[in-house]
Amino acid sequence: MNAISKALQKARRVVFFGGAGVSVPSGIPDFRGENGLYAREYDGLTAEMLLSH
């Protein structure tokens, strides 16, 4: 951890790639869950309808 901390302090820019294991507990919705982004409607259209055309 000390090496990572030093590297981050020296870095001019940092990029973090996280997945559902990080985002969902942080409150960012997933795509396929019960209340996920694919379950929502956008102007009356479902994600399935939007992605199929």
PDB file of N, CA and C in Angstrom:
ATOM      1  N   MET A   1       0.820  -1.191   0.000  1.00  0.00           N
ATOM      2  CA  MET A   1       0.000   0.000   0.000  1.00  0.00           C
ATOM      3  C   MET A   1       0.861   1.251   0.000  1.00  0.00           C
ATOM      4  N   ASN A   2       1.969   1.217   0.662  1.00  0.00           N
ATOM      5  CA  ASN A   2       2.832   2.383   0.719  1.00  0.00           C
ATOM      6  C   ASN A   2       3.350   2.736  -0.677  1.00  0.00           C
ATOM      7  N   ALA A   3       3.707   1.724  -1.456  1.00  0.00           N
ATOM      8  CA  ALA A   3       4.193   1.963  -2.818  1.00  0.00           C
ATOM      9  C   ALA A   3       3.089   2.565  -3.687  1.00  0.00           C
ATOM     10  N   ILE A   4       1.872   2.080  -3.522  1.00  0.00           N
ATOM     11  CA  ILE A   4       0.742   2.619  -4.291  1.00  0.00           C
ATOM     12  C   ILE A   4       0.489   4.065  -3.897  1.00  0.00           C
ATOM     13  N   SER A   5       0.537   4.346  -2.619  1.00  0.00           N
ATOM     14  CA  SER A   5       0.326   5.704  -2.126  1.00  0.00           C
ATOM     15  C   SER A   5       1.364   6.665  -2.699  1.00  0.00           C
ATOM     16  N   LYS A   6       2.607   6.252  -2.703  1.00  0.00           N
ATOM     17  CA  LYS A   6       3.669   7.105  -3.251  1.00  0.00           C
ATOM     18  C   LYS A   6       3.482   7.320  -4.747  1.00  0.00           C
ATOM     19  N   ALA A   7       3.123   6.266  -5.458  1.00  0.00           N
ATOM     20  CA  ALA A   7       2.919   6.385  -6.902  1.00  0.00           C
ATOM     21  C   ALA A   7       1.774   7.349  -7.208  1.00  0.00           C
ATOM     22  N   LEU A   8       0.691   7.284  -6.439  1.00  0.00           N
ATOM     23  CA  LEU A   8      -0.440   8.186  -6.650  1.00  0.00           C
ATOM     24  C   LEU A   8      -0.069   9.631  -6.349  1.00  0.00           C
ATOM     25  N   GLN A   9       0.745   9.837  -5.344  1.00  0.00           N
ATOM     26  CA  GLN A   9       1.164  11.187  -4.984  1.00  0.00           C
ATOM     27  C   GLN A   9       2.045  11.801  -6.068  1.00  0.00           C
ATOM     28  N   LYS A  10       2.840  10.985  -6.732  1.00  0.00           N
ATOM     29  CA  LYS A  10       3.743  11.475  -7.777  1.00  0.00           C
ATOM     30  C   LYS A  10       3.033  11.650  -9.127  1.00  0.00           C
ATOM     31  N   ALA A  11       1.951  10.948  -9.315  1.00  0.00           N
ATOM     32  CA  ALA A  11       1.269  10.941 -10.610  1.00  0.00           C
ATOM     33  C   ALA A  11       0.642  12.291 -10.936  1.00  0.00           C
ATOM     34  N   ARG A  12       0.727  12.652 -12.203  1.00  0.00           N
ATOM     35  CA  ARG A  12       0.049  13.872 -12.661  1.00  0.00           C
ATOM     36  C   ARG A  12      -1.427  13.600 -12.903  1.00  0.00           C
ATOM     37  N   ARG A  13      -1.731  12.386 -13.349  1.00  0.00           N
ATOM     38  CA  ARG A  13      -3.117  11.994 -13.617  1.00  0.00           C
ATOM     39  C   ARG A  13      -3.311  10.552 -13.175  1.00  0.00           C
ATOM     40  N   VAL A  14      -4.523  10.254 -12.754  1.00  0.00           N
ATOM     41  CA  VAL A  14      -4.861   8.905 -12.308  1.00  0.00           C
ATOM     42  C   VAL A  14      -6.165   8.492 -12.972  1.00  0.00           C
ATOM     43  N   VAL A  15      -6.207   7.272 -13.476  1.00  0.00           N
ATOM     44  CA  VAL A  15      -7.428   6.714 -14.048  1.00  0.00           C
ATOM     45  C   VAL A  15      -7.786   5.480 -13.234  1.00  0.00           C
ATOM     46  N   PHE A  16      -9.055   5.388 -12.846  1.00  0.00           N
ATOM     47  CA  PHE A  16      -9.535   4.235 -12.092  1.00  0.00           C
ATOM     48  C   PHE A  16     -10.617   3.534 -12.892  1.00  0.00           C
ATOM     49  N   PHE A  17     -10.442   2.257 -13.118  1.00  0.00           N
ATOM     50  CA  PHE A  17     -11.459   1.448 -13.787  1.00  0.00           C
ATOM     51  C   PHE A  17     -12.137   0.588 -12.731  1.00  0.00           C
ATOM     52  N   GLY A  18     -13.418   0.802 -12.548  1.00  0.00           N
ATOM     53  CA  GLY A  18     -14.163   0.017 -11.569  1.00  0.00           C
ATOM     54  C   GLY A  18     -15.360  -0.634 -12.221  1.00  0.00           C
ATOM     55  N   GLY A  19     -15.814  -1.695 -11.637  1.00  0.00           N
ATOM     56  CA  GLY A  19     -16.970  -2.399 -12.168  1.00  0.00           C
ATOM     57  C   GLY A  19     -18.130  -2.354 -11.186  1.00  0.00           C
ATOM     58  N   ALA A  20     -19.088  -3.234 -11.402  1.00  0.00           N
ATOM     59  CA  ALA A  20     -20.297  -3.259 -10.574  1.00  0.00           C
ATOM     60  C   ALA A  20     -19.974  -3.517  -9.110  1.00  0.00           C
ATOM     61  N   GLY A  21     -18.895  -4.204  -8.848  1.00  0.00           N
ATOM     62  CA  GLY A  21     -18.522  -4.473  -7.471  1.00  0.00           C
ATOM     63  C   GLY A  21     -18.178  -3.217  -6.694  1.00  0.00           C
ATOM     64  N   VAL A  22     -17.840  -2.162  -7.402  1.00  0.00           N
ATOM     65  CA  VAL A  22     -17.518  -0.883  -6.763  1.00  0.00           C
ATOM     66  C   VAL A  22     -18.686   0.083  -6.918  1.00  0.00           C
ATOM     67  N   SER A  23     -19.281   0.126  -8.080  1.00  0.00           N
ATOM     68  CA  SER A  23     -20.286   1.144  -8.372  1.00  0.00           C
ATOM     69  C   SER A  23     -21.607   0.911  -7.648  1.00  0.00           C
ATOM     70  N   VAL A  24     -22.123  -0.298  -7.644  1.00  0.00           N
ATOM     71  CA  VAL A  24     -23.431  -0.561  -7.042  1.00  0.00           C
ATOM     72  C   VAL A  24     -23.446  -0.217  -5.549  1.00  0.00           C
ATOM     73  N   PRO A  25     -22.466  -0.654  -4.751  1.00  0.00           N
ATOM     74  CA  PRO A  25     -22.477  -0.255  -3.339  1.00  0.00           C
ATOM     75  C   PRO A  25     -22.331   1.258  -3.137  1.00  0.00           C
ATOM     76  N   SER A  26     -21.833   1.950  -4.162  1.00  0.00           N
ATOM     77  CA  SER A  26     -21.669   3.403  -4.077  1.00  0.00           C
ATOM     78  C   SER A  26     -22.929   4.150  -4.486  1.00  0.00           C
ATOM     79  N   GLY A  27     -23.965   3.414  -4.913  1.00  0.00           N
ATOM     80  CA  GLY A  27     -25.224   4.043  -5.277  1.00  0.00           C
ATOM     81  C   GLY A  27     -25.420   4.255  -6.764  1.00  0.00           C
ATOM     82  N   ILE A  28     -24.469   3.824  -7.589  1.00  0.00           N
ATOM     83  CA  ILE A  28     -24.607   3.936  -9.039  1.00  0.00           C
ATOM     84  C   ILE A  28     -25.380   2.706  -9.513  1.00  0.00           C
ATOM     85  N   PRO A  29     -26.502   2.878 -10.221  1.00  0.00           N
ATOM     86  CA  PRO A  29     -27.315   1.723 -10.598  1.00  0.00           C
ATOM     87  C   PRO A  29     -26.617   0.821 -11.602  1.00  0.00           C
ATOM     88  N   ASP A  30     -26.929  -0.476 -11.502  1.00  0.00           N
ATOM     89  CA  ASP A  30     -26.402  -1.414 -12.486  1.00  0.00           C
ATOM     90  C   ASP A  30     -27.284  -1.359 -13.734  1.00  0.00           C
ATOM     91  N   PHE A  31     -27.024  -2.222 -14.685  1.00  0.00           N
ATOM     92  CA  PHE A  31     -27.809  -2.223 -15.914  1.00  0.00           C
ATOM     93  C   PHE A  31     -28.960  -3.220 -15.865  1.00  0.00           C
ATOM     94  N   ARG A  32     -28.727  -4.422 -15.361  1.00  0.00           N
ATOM     95  CA  ARG A  32     -29.710  -5.489 -15.470  1.00  0.00           C
ATOM     96  C   ARG A  32     -30.495  -5.770 -14.202  1.00  0.00           C
ATOM     97  N   GLY A  33     -30.226  -5.105 -13.119  1.00  0.00           N
ATOM     98  CA  GLY A  33     -30.934  -5.347 -11.861  1.00  0.00           C
ATOM     99  C   GLY A  33     -32.388  -4.908 -11.930  1.00  0.00           C
ATOM    100  N   GLU A  34     -33.118  -5.224 -10.875  1.00  0.00           N
ATOM    101  CA  GLU A  34     -34.555  -4.909 -10.826  1.00  0.00           C
ATOM    102  C   GLU A  34     -34.827  -3.423 -11.070  1.00  0.00           C
ATOM    103  N   ASN A  35     -33.989  -2.564 -10.536  1.00  0.00           N
ATOM    104  CA  ASN A  35     -34.144  -1.119 -10.729  1.00  0.00           C
ATOM    105  C   ASN A  35     -33.021  -0.547 -11.583  1.00  0.00           C
ATOM    106  N   GLY A  36     -32.405  -1.397 -12.369  1.00  0.00           N
ATOM    107  CA  GLY A  36     -31.268  -0.986 -13.184  1.00  0.00           C
ATOM    108  C   GLY A  36     -31.669  -0.122 -14.370  1.00  0.00           C
ATOM    109  N   LEU A  37     -30.674   0.324 -15.093  1.00  0.00           N
ATOM    110  CA  LEU A  37     -30.913   1.219 -16.229  1.00  0.00           C
ATOM    111  C   LEU A  37     -31.747   0.562 -17.325  1.00  0.00           C
ATOM    112  N   TYR A  38     -31.606  -0.767 -17.507  1.00  0.00           N
ATOM    113  CA  TYR A  38     -32.385  -1.446 -18.537  1.00  0.00           C
ATOM    114  C   TYR A  38     -33.850  -1.599 -18.151  1.00  0.00           C
ATOM    115  N   ALA A  39     -34.191  -1.453 -16.864  1.00  0.00           N
ATOM    116  CA  ALA A  39     -35.572  -1.589 -16.411  1.00  0.00           C
ATOM    117  C   ALA A  39     -36.353  -0.283 -16.549  1.00  0.00           C
ATOM    118  N   ARG A  40     -35.667   0.804 -16.812  1.00  0.00           N
ATOM    119  CA  ARG A  40     -36.320   2.119 -16.909  1.00  0.00           C
ATOM    120  C   ARG A  40     -36.864   2.364 -18.308  1.00  0.00           C
ATOM    121  N   GLU A  41     -37.801   3.294 -18.390  1.00  0.00           N
ATOM    122  CA  GLU A  41     -38.318   3.725 -19.688  1.00  0.00           C
ATOM    123  C   GLU A  41     -37.833   5.130 -19.973  1.00  0.00           C
ATOM    124  N   TYR A  42     -37.559   5.387 -21.222  1.00  0.00           N
ATOM    125  CA  TYR A  42     -37.083   6.689 -21.677  1.00  0.00           C
ATOM    126  C   TYR A  42     -38.049   7.186 -22.739  1.00  0.00           C
ATOM    127  N   ASP A  43     -38.806   8.221 -22.408  1.00  0.00           N
ATOM    128  CA  ASP A  43     -39.837   8.752 -23.313  1.00  0.00           C
ATOM    129  C   ASP A  43     -40.774   7.649 -23.782  1.00  0.00           C
ATOM    130  N   GLY A  44     -41.133   6.746 -22.868  1.00  0.00           N
ATOM    131  CA  GLY A  44     -42.050   5.667 -23.188  1.00  0.00           C
ATOM    132  C   GLY A  44     -41.424   4.476 -23.875  1.00  0.00           C
ATOM    133  N   LEU A  45     -40.128   4.499 -24.093  1.00  0.00           N
ATOM    134  CA  LEU A  45     -39.429   3.400 -24.762  1.00  0.00           C
ATOM    135  C   LEU A  45     -38.557   2.656 -23.764  1.00  0.00           C
ATOM    136  N   THR A  46     -38.579   1.322 -23.850  1.00  0.00           N
ATOM    137  CA  THR A  46     -37.720   0.516 -22.988  1.00  0.00           C
ATOM    138  C   THR A  46     -36.326   0.439 -23.595  1.00  0.00           C
ATOM    139  N   ALA A  47     -35.363   0.037 -22.798  1.00  0.00           N
ATOM    140  CA  ALA A  47     -33.995  -0.118 -23.300  1.00  0.00           C
ATOM    141  C   ALA A  47     -33.956  -1.148 -24.419  1.00  0.00           C
ATOM    142  N   GLU A  48     -34.745  -2.215 -24.296  1.00  0.00           N
ATOM    143  CA  GLU A  48     -34.786  -3.238 -25.343  1.00  0.00           C
ATOM    144  C   GLU A  48     -35.241  -2.640 -26.673  1.00  0.00           C
ATOM    145  N   MET A  49     -36.261  -1.794 -26.621  1.00  0.00           N
ATOM    146  CA  MET A  49     -36.750  -1.153 -27.848  1.00  0.00           C
ATOM    147  C   MET A  49     -35.687  -0.223 -28.436  1.00  0.00           C
ATOM    148  N   LEU A  50     -35.029   0.536 -27.579  1.00  0.00           N
ATOM    149  CA  LEU A  50     -34.018   1.472 -28.068  1.00  0.00           C
ATOM    150  C   LEU A  50     -32.809   0.755 -28.664  1.00  0.00           C
ATOM    151  N   LEU A  51     -32.403  -0.344 -28.037  1.00  0.00           N
ATOM    152  CA  LEU A  51     -31.207  -1.053 -28.491  1.00  0.00           C
ATOM    153  C   LEU A  51     -31.459  -1.963 -29.686  1.00  0.00           C
ATOM    154  N   SER A  52     -32.724  -2.261 -29.992  1.00  0.00           N
ATOM    155  CA  SER A  52     -33.019  -3.173 -31.093  1.00  0.00           C
ATOM    156  C   SER A  52     -33.177  -2.467 -32.434  1.00  0.00           C
ATOM    157  N   HIS A  53     -33.087  -1.151 -32.446  1.00  0.00           N
ATOM    158  CA  HIS A  53     -33.247  -0.421 -33.707  1.00  0.00           C
ATOM    159  C   HIS A  53     -32.026   0.391 -34.029  1.00  0.00           C
TER     160      HIS A  53
END
